[in-house]
PDB file of N, CA and C in Angstrom:
ATOM      1  N   UNK A   1      98.933 107.437  60.807  1.00  0.00           N
ATOM      2  CA  UNK A   1      99.059 106.234  60.412  1.00  0.00           C
ATOM      3  C   UNK A   1      98.667 105.914  58.986  1.00  0.00           C
ATOM      4  N   UNK A   2      99.043 105.258  58.171  1.00  0.00           N
ATOM      5  CA  UNK A   2      98.687 104.950  56.981  1.00  0.00           C
ATOM      6  C   UNK A   2      97.717 103.421  56.950  1.00  0.00           C
ATOM      7  N   UNK A   3      96.781 103.384  55.933  1.00  0.00           N
ATOM      8  CA  UNK A   3      95.766 102.326  55.696  1.00  0.00           C
ATOM      9  C   UNK A   3      96.318 100.999  55.849  1.00  0.00           C
ATOM     10  N   UNK A   4      97.778 100.977  55.223  1.00  0.00           N
ATOM     11  CA  UNK A   4      98.271  99.561  55.273  1.00  0.00           C
ATOM     12  C   UNK A   4      98.828  99.322  56.371  1.00  0.00           C
ATOM     13  N   UNK A   5      99.453 100.142  57.197  1.00  0.00           N
ATOM     14  CA  UNK A   5      99.847  99.800  58.605  1.00  0.00           C
ATOM     15  C   UNK A   5      98.917  99.540  59.518  1.00  0.00           C
ATOM     16  N   UNK A   6      97.494 100.160  59.399  1.00  0.00           N
ATOM     17  CA  UNK A   6      96.452  99.975  60.385  1.00  0.00           C
ATOM     18  C   UNK A   6      95.715  98.574  59.759  1.00  0.00           C
ATOM     19  N   UNK A   7      95.779  98.076  58.759  1.00  0.00           N
ATOM     20  CA  UNK A   7      95.402  96.703  58.200  1.00  0.00           C
ATOM     21  C   UNK A   7      96.408  95.832  58.875  1.00  0.00           C
ATOM     22  N   UNK A   8      97.777  95.982  58.518  1.00  0.00           N
ATOM     23  CA  UNK A   8      98.581  94.938  59.185  1.00  0.00           C
ATOM     24  C   UNK A   8      98.275  94.661  60.529  1.00  0.00           C
ATOM     25  N   UNK A   9      98.172  95.881  61.547  1.00  0.00           N
ATOM     26  CA  UNK A   9      98.002  95.873  63.027  1.00  0.00           C
ATOM     27  C   UNK A   9      96.603  95.083  63.132  1.00  0.00           C
ATOM     28  N   UNK A  10      95.620  95.664  62.410  1.00  0.00           N
ATOM     29  CA  UNK A  10      94.447  94.745  62.894  1.00  0.00           C
ATOM     30  C   UNK A  10      94.346  93.354  62.453  1.00  0.00           C
ATOM     31  N   UNK A  11      95.032  93.196  61.394  1.00  0.00           N
ATOM     32  CA  UNK A  11      95.188  91.647  61.078  1.00  0.00           C
ATOM     33  C   UNK A  11      95.936  90.777  61.937  1.00  0.00           C
ATOM     34  N   UNK A  12      97.084  91.315  62.494  1.00  0.00           N
ATOM     35  CA  UNK A  12      97.635  90.459  63.674  1.00  0.00           C
ATOM     36  C   UNK A  12      96.878  90.331  64.729  1.00  0.00           C
ATOM     37  N   UNK A  13      96.253  91.452  65.283  1.00  0.00           N
ATOM     38  CA  UNK A  13      95.339  91.285  66.504  1.00  0.00           C
ATOM     39  C   UNK A  13      94.016  90.502  66.075  1.00  0.00           C
ATOM     40  N   UNK A  14      93.440  90.445  64.897  1.00  0.00           N
ATOM     41  CA  UNK A  14      92.379  89.551  64.643  1.00  0.00           C
ATOM     42  C   UNK A  14      92.777  88.271  64.709  1.00  0.00           C
ATOM     43  N   UNK A  15      94.028  87.970  63.999  1.00  0.00           N
ATOM     44  CA  UNK A  15      94.487  86.523  63.897  1.00  0.00           C
ATOM     45  C   UNK A  15      94.889  85.991  65.410  1.00  0.00           C
ATOM     46  N   UNK A  16      95.195  86.964  66.361  1.00  0.00           N
ATOM     47  CA  UNK A  16      95.319  86.571  67.816  1.00  0.00           C
ATOM     48  C   UNK A  16      94.199  86.056  68.502  1.00  0.00           C
ATOM     49  N   UNK A  17      93.268  87.300  68.602  1.00  0.00           N
ATOM     50  CA  UNK A  17      92.018  87.031  69.096  1.00  0.00           C
ATOM     51  C   UNK A  17      91.263  86.268  68.740  1.00  0.00           C
ATOM     52  N   UNK A  18      90.897  86.178  67.346  1.00  0.00           N
ATOM     53  CA  UNK A  18      89.783  85.474  66.778  1.00  0.00           C
ATOM     54  C   UNK A  18      89.978  84.064  67.099  1.00  0.00           C
ATOM     55  N   UNK A  19      91.084  83.443  67.455  1.00  0.00           N
ATOM     56  CA  UNK A  19      91.494  81.894  67.693  1.00  0.00           C
ATOM     57  C   UNK A  19      91.135  81.765  69.118  1.00  0.00           C
ATOM     58  N   UNK A  20      91.540  82.911  69.759  1.00  0.00           N
ATOM     59  CA  UNK A  20      91.436  82.789  71.364  1.00  0.00           C
ATOM     60  C   UNK A  20      90.028  83.031  71.959  1.00  0.00           C
ATOM     61  N   UNK A  21      89.499  84.143  71.492  1.00  0.00           N
ATOM     62  CA  UNK A  21      88.368  84.619  72.233  1.00  0.00           C
ATOM     63  C   UNK A  21      87.099  85.178  70.993  1.00  0.00           C
ATOM     64  N   UNK A  22      86.078  85.782  71.718  1.00  0.00           N
ATOM     65  CA  UNK A  22      85.205  86.112  70.708  1.00  0.00           C
ATOM     66  C   UNK A  22      85.568  87.435  70.235  1.00  0.00           C
ATOM     67  N   UNK A  23      84.888  87.856  69.070  1.00  0.00           N
ATOM     68  CA  UNK A  23      85.264  88.822  68.316  1.00  0.00           C
ATOM     69  C   UNK A  23      85.049  90.188  69.238  1.00  0.00           C
ATOM     70  N   UNK A  24      86.236  90.891  69.229  1.00  0.00           N
ATOM     71  CA  UNK A  24      86.212  92.208  70.081  1.00  0.00           C
ATOM     72  C   UNK A  24      85.569  93.324  69.403  1.00  0.00           C
ATOM     73  N   UNK A  25      84.861  93.981  70.184  1.00  0.00           N
ATOM     74  CA  UNK A  25      84.251  95.509  69.754  1.00  0.00           C
ATOM     75  C   UNK A  25      85.396  96.356  69.272  1.00  0.00           C
ATOM     76  N   UNK A  26      85.020  96.973  68.203  1.00  0.00           N
ATOM     77  CA  UNK A  26      85.996  98.258  67.689  1.00  0.00           C
ATOM     78  C   UNK A  26      85.436  99.631  68.564  1.00  0.00           C
ATOM     79  N   UNK A  27      86.396 100.149  69.264  1.00  0.00           N
ATOM     80  CA  UNK A  27      86.191 101.358  69.663  1.00  0.00           C
ATOM     81  C   UNK A  27      87.179 102.420  69.542  1.00  0.00           C
ATOM     82  N   UNK A  28      86.892 103.718  69.776  1.00  0.00           N
ATOM     83  CA  UNK A  28      87.868 104.907  69.816  1.00  0.00           C
ATOM     84  C   UNK A  28      87.803 105.137  71.214  1.00  0.00           C
ATOM     85  N   UNK A  29      89.422 105.260  71.855  1.00  0.00           N
ATOM     86  CA  UNK A  29      89.659 105.560  73.063  1.00  0.00           C
ATOM     87  C   UNK A  29      89.286 107.311  73.193  1.00  0.00           C
ATOM     88  N   UNK A  30      88.853 107.803  74.256  1.00  0.00           N
ATOM     89  CA  UNK A  30      88.553 109.028  74.666  1.00  0.00           C
ATOM     90  C   UNK A  30      89.241 109.590  75.722  1.00  0.00           C
ATOM     91  N   UNK A  31      90.210 110.672  75.538  1.00  0.00           N
ATOM     92  CA  UNK A  31      91.046 111.035  76.458  1.00  0.00           C
ATOM     93  C   UNK A  31      90.338 112.337  77.456  1.00  0.00           C
ATOM     94  N   UNK A  32      90.215 111.904  78.487  1.00  0.00           N
ATOM     95  CA  UNK A  32      89.357 112.915  79.318  1.00  0.00           C
ATOM     96  C   UNK A  32      90.279 113.819  79.985  1.00  0.00           C
ATOM     97  N   UNK A  33      89.918 115.094  80.394  1.00  0.00           N
ATOM     98  CA  UNK A  33      90.899 115.939  80.965  1.00  0.00           C
ATOM     99  C   UNK A  33      90.914 115.649  82.500  1.00  0.00           C
ATOM    100  N   UNK A  34      90.578 114.650  82.866  1.00  0.00           N
ATOM    101  CA  UNK A  34      90.685 114.355  84.501  1.00  0.00           C
ATOM    102  C   UNK A  34      90.868 112.766  84.605  1.00  0.00           C
ATOM    103  N   UNK A  35      91.069 112.399  85.665  1.00  0.00           N
ATOM    104  CA  UNK A  35      91.591 111.073  85.977  1.00  0.00           C
ATOM    105  C   UNK A  35      90.177 110.034  86.144  1.00  0.00           C
ATOM    106  N   UNK A  36      90.100 109.087  85.867  1.00  0.00           N
ATOM    107  CA  UNK A  36      89.107 108.078  86.071  1.00  0.00           C
ATOM    108  C   UNK A  36      89.340 106.890  86.577  1.00  0.00           C
ATOM    109  N   UNK A  37      88.365 106.159  87.101  1.00  0.00           N
ATOM    110  CA  UNK A  37      88.651 104.465  87.721  1.00  0.00           C
ATOM    111  C   UNK A  37      88.339 103.608  86.830  1.00  0.00           C
ATOM    112  N   UNK A  38      89.104 102.486  86.754  1.00  0.00           N
ATOM    113  CA  UNK A  38      88.518 101.552  85.660  1.00  0.00           C
ATOM    114  C   UNK A  38      89.044 101.390  84.285  1.00  0.00           C
ATOM    115  N   UNK A  39      88.240 100.776  83.450  1.00  0.00           N
ATOM    116  CA  UNK A  39      88.571 100.917  82.099  1.00  0.00           C
ATOM    117  C   UNK A  39      88.749 102.141  81.218  1.00  0.00           C
ATOM    118  N   UNK A  40      89.505 102.136  80.099  1.00  0.00           N
ATOM    119  CA  UNK A  40      89.656 103.310  79.542  1.00  0.00           C
ATOM    120  C   UNK A  40      88.365 103.988  78.982  1.00  0.00           C
ATOM    121  N   UNK A  41      87.807 105.241  79.109  1.00  0.00           N
ATOM    122  CA  UNK A  41      86.746 105.608  78.304  1.00  0.00           C
ATOM    123  C   UNK A  41      86.815 105.430  76.989  1.00  0.00           C
ATOM    124  N   UNK A  42      85.743 105.031  76.182  1.00  0.00           N
ATOM    125  CA  UNK A  42      85.705 104.661  74.872  1.00  0.00           C
ATOM    126  C   UNK A  42      84.491 105.061  74.328  1.00  0.00           C
ATOM    127  N   UNK A  43      84.451 105.046  72.884  1.00  0.00           N
ATOM    128  CA  UNK A  43      83.162 105.278  72.270  1.00  0.00           C
ATOM    129  C   UNK A  43      83.183 104.157  71.202  1.00  0.00           C
ATOM    130  N   UNK A  44      82.108 103.291  70.872  1.00  0.00           N
ATOM    131  CA  UNK A  44      82.118 102.464  69.822  1.00  0.00           C
ATOM    132  C   UNK A  44      82.066 103.075  68.582  1.00  0.00           C
ATOM    133  N   UNK A  45      82.840 102.061  67.643  1.00  0.00           N
ATOM    134  CA  UNK A  45      83.026 102.685  66.156  1.00  0.00           C
ATOM    135  C   UNK A  45      81.660 102.078  65.488  1.00  0.00           C
ATOM    136  N   UNK A  46      80.772 103.042  64.829  1.00  0.00           N
ATOM    137  CA  UNK A  46      79.708 102.693  64.261  1.00  0.00           C
ATOM    138  C   UNK A  46      79.699 102.320  62.861  1.00  0.00           C
ATOM    139  N   UNK A  47      80.569 102.941  62.058  1.00  0.00           N
ATOM    140  CA  UNK A  47      80.950 102.823  60.605  1.00  0.00           C
ATOM    141  C   UNK A  47      82.604 103.171  60.330  1.00  0.00           C
ATOM    142  N   UNK A  48      82.690 102.984  59.033  1.00  0.00           N
ATOM    143  CA  UNK A  48      83.992 103.425  58.429  1.00  0.00           C
ATOM    144  C   UNK A  48      83.862 103.797  57.145  1.00  0.00           C
ATOM    145  N   UNK A  49      84.724 104.632  56.334  1.00  0.00           N
ATOM    146  CA  UNK A  49      84.373 104.876  54.981  1.00  0.00           C
ATOM    147  C   UNK A  49      85.795 105.778  54.521  1.00  0.00           C
ATOM    148  N   UNK A  50      86.033 105.564  53.363  1.00  0.00           N
ATOM    149  CA  UNK A  50      86.998 106.188  52.801  1.00  0.00           C
ATOM    150  C   UNK A  50      86.674 107.605  52.364  1.00  0.00           C
ATOM    151  N   UNK A  51      87.506 108.602  52.608  1.00  0.00           N
ATOM    152  CA  UNK A  51      87.308 109.832  52.279  1.00  0.00           C
ATOM    153  C   UNK A  51      87.211 110.298  51.028  1.00  0.00           C
ATOM    154  N   UNK A  52      86.422 111.303  50.560  1.00  0.00           N
ATOM    155  CA  UNK A  52      86.323 111.748  49.091  1.00  0.00           C
ATOM    156  C   UNK A  52      86.449 113.298  49.294  1.00  0.00           C
ATOM    157  N   UNK A  53      86.576 113.867  48.142  1.00  0.00           N
ATOM    158  CA  UNK A  53      86.360 115.325  48.003  1.00  0.00           C
ATOM    159  C   UNK A  53      87.643 115.725  48.693  1.00  0.00           C
ATOM    160  N   UNK A  54      87.204 116.786  49.608  1.00  0.00           N
ATOM    161  CA  UNK A  54      88.168 117.290  50.703  1.00  0.00           C
ATOM    162  C   UNK A  54      89.008 116.324  51.633  1.00  0.00           C
ATOM    163  N   UNK A  55      88.306 115.154  51.717  1.00  0.00           N
ATOM    164  CA  UNK A  55      88.835 114.234  52.649  1.00  0.00           C
ATOM    165  C   UNK A  55      89.490 112.850  51.789  1.00  0.00           C
ATOM    166  N   UNK A  56      89.667 113.128  50.555  1.00  0.00           N
ATOM    167  CA  UNK A  56      90.340 112.201  49.551  1.00  0.00           C
ATOM    168  C   UNK A  56      91.688 111.854  50.343  1.00  0.00           C
ATOM    169  N   UNK A  57      92.073 110.649  50.444  1.00  0.00           N
ATOM    170  CA  UNK A  57      93.493 110.270  51.111  1.00  0.00           C
ATOM    171  C   UNK A  57      93.146 109.703  52.584  1.00  0.00           C
ATOM    172  N   UNK A  58      91.912 109.820  53.103  1.00  0.00           N
ATOM    173  CA  UNK A  58      91.777 109.485  54.551  1.00  0.00           C
ATOM    174  C   UNK A  58      90.864 108.271  54.616  1.00  0.00           C
ATOM    175  N   UNK A  59      91.159 107.284  55.628  1.00  0.00           N
ATOM    176  CA  UNK A  59      90.385 106.380  55.956  1.00  0.00           C
ATOM    177  C   UNK A  59      89.620 106.656  57.458  1.00  0.00           C
ATOM    178  N   UNK A  60      88.494 107.000  57.204  1.00  0.00           N
ATOM    179  CA  UNK A  60      87.648 107.459  58.498  1.00  0.00           C
ATOM    180  C   UNK A  60      86.895 106.556  59.101  1.00  0.00           C
ATOM    181  N   UNK A  61      87.131 106.540  60.471  1.00  0.00           N
ATOM    182  CA  UNK A  61      86.298 105.825  61.423  1.00  0.00           C
ATOM    183  C   UNK A  61      85.090 106.797  62.205  1.00  0.00           C
ATOM    184  N   UNK A  62      84.034 106.164  62.032  1.00  0.00           N
ATOM    185  CA  UNK A  62      82.930 107.108  62.281  1.00  0.00           C
ATOM    186  C   UNK A  62      82.211 106.512  63.926  1.00  0.00           C
ATOM    187  N   UNK A  63      82.455 107.091  64.906  1.00  0.00           N
ATOM    188  CA  UNK A  63      81.863 106.934  66.084  1.00  0.00           C
ATOM    189  C   UNK A  63      80.416 106.813  66.327  1.00  0.00           C
ATOM    190  N   UNK A  64      79.874 106.033  67.202  1.00  0.00           N
ATOM    191  CA  UNK A  64      78.530 106.159  67.338  1.00  0.00           C
ATOM    192  C   UNK A  64      78.076 107.349  68.069  1.00  0.00           C
ATOM    193  N   UNK A  65      78.994 108.154  68.943  1.00  0.00           N
ATOM    194  CA  UNK A  65      78.640 109.402  69.467  1.00  0.00           C
ATOM    195  C   UNK A  65      79.534 110.537  68.693  1.00  0.00           C
ATOM    196  N   UNK A  66      79.112 111.588  68.663  1.00  0.00           N
ATOM    197  CA  UNK A  66      79.783 112.680  68.087  1.00  0.00           C
ATOM    198  C   UNK A  66      80.784 113.255  69.188  1.00  0.00           C
ATOM    199  N   UNK A  67      82.102 113.434  68.644  1.00  0.00           N
ATOM    200  CA  UNK A  67      83.281 113.812  69.524  1.00  0.00           C
ATOM    201  C   UNK A  67      83.667 115.053  69.098  1.00  0.00           C
ATOM    202  N   UNK A  68      83.984 115.818  70.029  1.00  0.00           N
ATOM    203  CA  UNK A  68      84.365 117.063  69.608  1.00  0.00           C
ATOM    204  C   UNK A  68      85.834 117.321  70.232  1.00  0.00           C
ATOM    205  N   UNK A  69      86.717 118.020  69.757  1.00  0.00           N
ATOM    206  CA  UNK A  69      87.856 118.420  70.503  1.00  0.00           C
ATOM    207  C   UNK A  69      87.608 119.464  71.518  1.00  0.00           C
ATOM    208  N   UNK A  70      88.370 119.146  72.527  1.00  0.00           N
ATOM    209  CA  UNK A  70      88.323 120.139  73.877  1.00  0.00           C
ATOM    210  C   UNK A  70      89.301 121.249  73.895  1.00  0.00           C
ATOM    211  N   UNK A  71      88.861 122.073  74.595  1.00  0.00           N
ATOM    212  CA  UNK A  71      89.510 123.296  74.732  1.00  0.00           C
ATOM    213  C   UNK A  71      90.617 123.053  75.899  1.00  0.00           C
ATOM    214  N   UNK A  72      91.791 123.378  75.386  1.00  0.00           N
ATOM    215  CA  UNK A  72      93.048 123.313  76.428  1.00  0.00           C
ATOM    216  C   UNK A  72      92.674 123.967  77.614  1.00  0.00           C
ATOM    217  N   UNK A  73      92.245 125.136  77.684  1.00  0.00           N
ATOM    218  CA  UNK A  73      91.886 125.838  78.884  1.00  0.00           C
ATOM    219  C   UNK A  73      90.893 124.969  79.719  1.00  0.00           C
ATOM    220  N   UNK A  74      89.815 124.637  79.022  1.00  0.00           N
ATOM    221  CA  UNK A  74      88.841 123.645  79.939  1.00  0.00           C
ATOM    222  C   UNK A  74      89.441 122.392  80.267  1.00  0.00           C
ATOM    223  N   UNK A  75      90.163 121.708  79.660  1.00  0.00           N
ATOM    224  CA  UNK A  75      91.123 120.694  80.243  1.00  0.00           C
ATOM    225  C   UNK A  75      91.640 120.901  81.397  1.00  0.00           C
ATOM    226  N   UNK A  76      92.410 121.959  81.413  1.00  0.00           N
ATOM    227  CA  UNK A  76      93.339 122.498  82.608  1.00  0.00           C
ATOM    228  C   UNK A  76      92.345 122.822  83.674  1.00  0.00           C
ATOM    229  N   UNK A  77      91.218 123.521  83.365  1.00  0.00           N
ATOM    230  CA  UNK A  77      89.983 123.832  84.467  1.00  0.00           C
ATOM    231  C   UNK A  77      89.485 122.565  85.022  1.00  0.00           C
ATOM    232  N   UNK A  78      89.201 121.565  84.303  1.00  0.00           N
ATOM    233  CA  UNK A  78      88.917 120.388  84.784  1.00  0.00           C
ATOM    234  C   UNK A  78      89.681 119.722  85.681  1.00  0.00           C
ATOM    235  N   UNK A  79      91.009 119.767  85.214  1.00  0.00           N
ATOM    236  CA  UNK A  79      92.026 118.863  86.349  1.00  0.00           C
ATOM    237  C   UNK A  79      92.192 119.901  87.475  1.00  0.00           C
ATOM    238  N   UNK A  80      92.233 121.156  87.182  1.00  0.00           N
ATOM    239  CA  UNK A  80      92.193 121.932  88.590  1.00  0.00           C
ATOM    240  C   UNK A  80      91.187 121.696  89.486  1.00  0.00           C
ATOM    241  N   UNK A  81      90.068 121.748  88.940  1.00  0.00           N
ATOM    242  CA  UNK A  81      88.785 121.364  89.916  1.00  0.00           C
ATOM    243  C   UNK A  81      88.846 119.995  90.419  1.00  0.00           C
ATOM    244  N   UNK A  82      89.126 119.242  89.646  1.00  0.00           N
ATOM    245  CA  UNK A  82      89.440 117.896  90.223  1.00  0.00           C
ATOM    246  C   UNK A  82      90.331 117.723  91.469  1.00  0.00           C
ATOM    247  N   UNK A  83      91.604 118.377  91.274  1.00  0.00           N
ATOM    248  CA  UNK A  83      92.637 118.454  92.189  1.00  0.00           C
ATOM    249  C   UNK A  83      92.012 119.425  93.603  1.00  0.00           C
ATOM    250  N   UNK A  84      91.414 120.538  93.234  1.00  0.00           N
ATOM    251  CA  UNK A  84      90.871 121.295  94.310  1.00  0.00           C
ATOM    252  C   UNK A  84      89.848 120.343  95.226  1.00  0.00           C
ATOM    253  N   UNK A  85      88.982 119.462  94.423  1.00  0.00           N
ATOM    254  CA  UNK A  85      87.965 118.889  95.044  1.00  0.00           C
ATOM    255  C   UNK A  85      88.511 117.640  96.037  1.00  0.00           C
ATOM    256  N   UNK A  86      89.886 117.276  95.673  1.00  0.00           N
ATOM    257  CA  UNK A  86      90.472 116.222  96.462  1.00  0.00           C
ATOM    258  C   UNK A  86      90.763 116.861  97.927  1.00  0.00           C
ATOM    259  N   UNK A  87      91.348 118.204  97.553  1.00  0.00           N
ATOM    260  CA  UNK A  87      92.008 118.764  98.907  1.00  0.00           C
ATOM    261  C   UNK A  87      90.605 119.076  99.781  1.00  0.00           C
ATOM    262  N   UNK A  88      89.580 119.538  99.063  1.00  0.00           N
ATOM    263  CA  UNK A  88      88.366 119.976  99.925  1.00  0.00           C
ATOM    264  C   UNK A  88      87.897 118.694 100.561  1.00  0.00           C
ATOM    265  N   UNK A  89      87.873 117.503 100.027  1.00  0.00           N
ATOM    266  CA  UNK A  89      87.463 116.469 100.629  1.00  0.00           C
ATOM    267  C   UNK A  89      88.375 116.220 101.854  1.00  0.00           C
ATOM    268  N   UNK A  90      89.712 116.301 101.761  1.00  0.00           N
ATOM    269  CA  UNK A  90      90.416 115.875 102.832  1.00  0.00           C
ATOM    270  C   UNK A  90      90.406 116.944 103.776  1.00  0.00           C
ATOM    271  N   UNK A  91      90.236 118.405 103.583  1.00  0.00           N
ATOM    272  CA  UNK A  91      90.122 119.317 104.792  1.00  0.00           C
ATOM    273  C   UNK A  91      88.906 118.834 105.451  1.00  0.00           C
ATOM    274  N   UNK A  92      87.600 118.559 104.578  1.00  0.00           N
ATOM    275  CA  UNK A  92      86.465 118.114 105.280  1.00  0.00           C
ATOM    276  C   UNK A  92      86.661 117.001 106.332  1.00  0.00           C
ATOM    277  N   UNK A  93      87.332 116.196 105.694  1.00  0.00           N
ATOM    278  CA  UNK A  93      87.655 114.848 106.544  1.00  0.00           C
ATOM    279  C   UNK A  93      88.283 115.428 107.809  1.00  0.00           C
ATOM    280  N   UNK A  94      89.359 116.198 107.808  1.00  0.00           N
ATOM    281  CA  UNK A  94      89.986 116.632 108.992  1.00  0.00           C
ATOM    282  C   UNK A  94      89.151 117.303 109.819  1.00  0.00           C
ATOM    283  N   UNK A  95      88.564 118.312 109.229  1.00  0.00           N
ATOM    284  CA  UNK A  95      87.402 119.142 110.272  1.00  0.00           C
ATOM    285  C   UNK A  95      86.579 118.241 110.788  1.00  0.00           C
ATOM    286  N   UNK A  96      86.078 117.170 110.299  1.00  0.00           N
ATOM    287  CA  UNK A  96      85.095 116.183 110.816  1.00  0.00           C
ATOM    288  C   UNK A  96      85.652 115.541 111.983  1.00  0.00           C
ATOM    289  N   UNK A  97      86.951 115.137 112.024  1.00  0.00           N
ATOM    290  CA  UNK A  97      87.854 114.606 112.905  1.00  0.00           C
ATOM    291  C   UNK A  97      87.997 115.507 114.157  1.00  0.00           C
ATOM    292  N   UNK A  98      88.332 116.640 113.696  1.00  0.00           N
ATOM    293  CA  UNK A  98      88.391 117.910 114.707  1.00  0.00           C
ATOM    294  C   UNK A  98      87.322 117.892 115.710  1.00  0.00           C
ATOM    295  N   UNK A  99      86.129 117.994 114.914  1.00  0.00           N
ATOM    296  CA  UNK A  99      84.749 118.223 115.469  1.00  0.00           C
ATOM    297  C   UNK A  99      84.501 117.211 116.624  1.00  0.00           C
ATOM    298  N   UNK A 100      85.011 115.753 115.989  1.00  0.00           N
ATOM    299  CA  UNK A 100      84.629 114.777 116.854  1.00  0.00           C
ATOM    300  C   UNK A 100      85.513 114.847 118.005  1.00  0.00           C
ATOM    301  N   UNK A 101      86.875 115.078 117.817  1.00  0.00           N
ATOM    302  CA  UNK A 101      87.652 115.353 119.046  1.00  0.00           C
ATOM    303  C   UNK A 101      87.364 116.406 120.098  1.00  0.00           C
ATOM    304  N   UNK A 102      86.725 117.682 119.437  1.00  0.00           N
ATOM    305  CA  UNK A 102      86.411 118.717 120.104  1.00  0.00           C
ATOM    306  C   UNK A 102      84.961 118.302 121.272  1.00  0.00           C
ATOM    307  N   UNK A 103      84.273 117.363 120.484  1.00  0.00           N
ATOM    308  CA  UNK A 103      83.085 116.836 121.448  1.00  0.00           C
ATOM    309  C   UNK A 103      83.288 115.881 122.521  1.00  0.00           C
ATOM    310  N   UNK A 104      84.103 115.146 122.253  1.00  0.00           N
ATOM    311  CA  UNK A 104      84.783 114.080 123.154  1.00  0.00           C
ATOM    312  C   UNK A 104      85.475 115.176 124.361  1.00  0.00           C
ATOM    313  N   UNK A 105      85.964 116.073 124.007  1.00  0.00           N
ATOM    314  CA  UNK A 105      86.861 116.695 125.188  1.00  0.00           C
ATOM    315  C   UNK A 105      85.771 117.610 125.895  1.00  0.00           C
ATOM    316  N   UNK A 106      84.547 118.114 125.271  1.00  0.00           N
ATOM    317  CA  UNK A 106      83.549 118.713 125.826  1.00  0.00           C
ATOM    318  C   UNK A 106      82.616 117.800 126.666  1.00  0.00           C
ATOM    319  N   UNK A 107      82.590 116.581 126.283  1.00  0.00           N
ATOM    320  CA  UNK A 107      81.808 115.802 127.382  1.00  0.00           C
ATOM    321  C   UNK A 107      82.678 115.188 128.194  1.00  0.00           C
ATOM    322  N   UNK A 108      83.878 115.026 128.370  1.00  0.00           N
ATOM    323  CA  UNK A 108      84.840 114.889 129.307  1.00  0.00           C
ATOM    324  C   UNK A 108      84.985 115.946 130.378  1.00  0.00           C
ATOM    325  N   UNK A 109      84.834 117.471 129.926  1.00  0.00           N
ATOM    326  CA  UNK A 109      84.963 118.251 130.845  1.00  0.00           C
ATOM    327  C   UNK A 109      83.399 118.634 131.482  1.00  0.00           C
ATOM    328  N   UNK A 110      82.452 118.140 130.829  1.00  0.00           N
ATOM    329  CA  UNK A 110      81.057 118.203 131.561  1.00  0.00           C
ATOM    330  C   UNK A 110      80.696 117.033 132.594  1.00  0.00           C
ATOM    331  N   UNK A 111      81.656 116.185 132.416  1.00  0.00           N
ATOM    332  CA  UNK A 111      81.284 114.927 133.503  1.00  0.00           C
ATOM    333  C   UNK A 111      82.145 115.048 134.665  1.00  0.00           C
TER     334      UNK A 111
END
């Protein structure tokens, strides 16, 4: 995205939001390698600057927290762990139900 397009989009949203609501916080969306509930994970923007030297020609948003690129293998591992934990919870629930049923059967036999 070029700075001119960024500015145009910000201006449109600012004009719409500023007249209707309070001033919205500027944040950067964080893409996590697993599912979450609720709002999108974000990090607030602390500052911004025009790039210089090797970063000449870039408009840089500086987040309040350090962000690092995630390793694709790590992301896949996190997704797999989340999927596996879901199956483990389901199996655990089934086993607890089976134990409950067996206890009822034992109690019925002992009576």
